[in-house]
């Protein structure tokens, strides 16, 4: 039952093969056949991005507010029903009974839903809803539970929240929520490329000495990046004394975590995931150890097949000749030139799944760039350049042979390497168990 001042549940989506709805409602509410709860007490988010409040759709899947989409690139590349929730995602659900909101965070979205007045009473009770729409294979695990009310002393419960925070600060250091709020101000944001000394200068001496509640003896940092969905690389830092982690120690730990290289075990995990298609090779090519291979194109999700492409080409009376790569590119170009959206594409291709058409080259970005430089072609965008190379290859041009060290392959690299722009914008505290506080850096 979620009826505490602040309740958090962290979910690991081990397998999502269909539409997943995550939200809250009053106890005892059953979902409809397609997996959503329409009771007036229901608030939540559907996998396609549709927002539900008080049992009604307030934002359709194509109208999710732009600020709530924290990674437009991945959001648009995912299949329709997986835009918000996909296999490998960690999802944090935060119920704030003082602010009367529920917040849902995944690698692609960060959306807060405000409760209506009739659901703001002190006796309102809530349950977490995980609803599966239609047929499909799902596996979800709760990996983090935090109820702030349990963390307060008996005296603090009787006091106001402000008094409780002040009392906790005076006695044992700040509680986690107040402590990690210190990192969220825009003036404290920094680039992971900066030196630690430059980063620490953003904080006053008093701020650097502010401590986390001393009962938390370990700080566990989790790797989080939208391009690395499904990677769970944790590292634990032990408290050096009996007085609680300071802001200086946390900032130093986060900076070191992202500046340090991936371990051999982590590199092996990345390579395994690239080779089985769960991570984009174009992003991880530096350490992926991919050997020379034919130049082709493929559909990244694996949902759209050659037969689907043939259906599309027949529907629009387009040529059916050529290999699979040629057909994929022909369909993609036709969609771009004639403004065909994904729904029309799905109908023409007789696709039952709600997904887009995301093409990837079998060559990494650096391999494509090498070819362009060797042929004297301009290089601006990897995928556009790859299309040019394909057109040349189809016309009979023999592409230069790639050297064995074409990617400048490395045994490892700094963890920050695969982040988009490496801007640290605060810490998300998603788990408090015994004496361990688990956080992930909000890196954009």
Foldseek 3Di string as FASTA:
>chain_A
DPQFQKKKWKKAWQADWAKKKKWKFFPPFDPDQQWHTQAQRTWTAMQLGFTDARRDTPAPSVRRDPVFFPDPVQLQAWFRRRSQPHHLWMWMWMQRLVQQWIWIDIQTGTDIDHHDPVQNDSPGDMDIDITGGDDDDTDMDTDFIDHVVVVFDPVLVVDDVVVRQVVQCVPFFGEPVVLQVVCQDPLLKDFLPDDLVVNCVSDDPVQQAGFYGQQQFKEKAFEDASQPRNDTDIDIDGDPDRRHHGNSNVSVVVSCQQQDKDDLVSLVVVLVCVVVLNHPCQLVVQANPDFDDDKAKDFSVPQDDLLLLVQLCVLVVHDPDDDSRVSLVVVVVVCVVVVPDQVNSCVSSVRPTRGHGHMDIPDHQLLLVVQCVVVVHDDDDSVVSSVVVVVCVVVPDDTDDADRCSSVHDNIGGNQSSHDRRMFNTWDFRHDDRNYTYIYTPGD
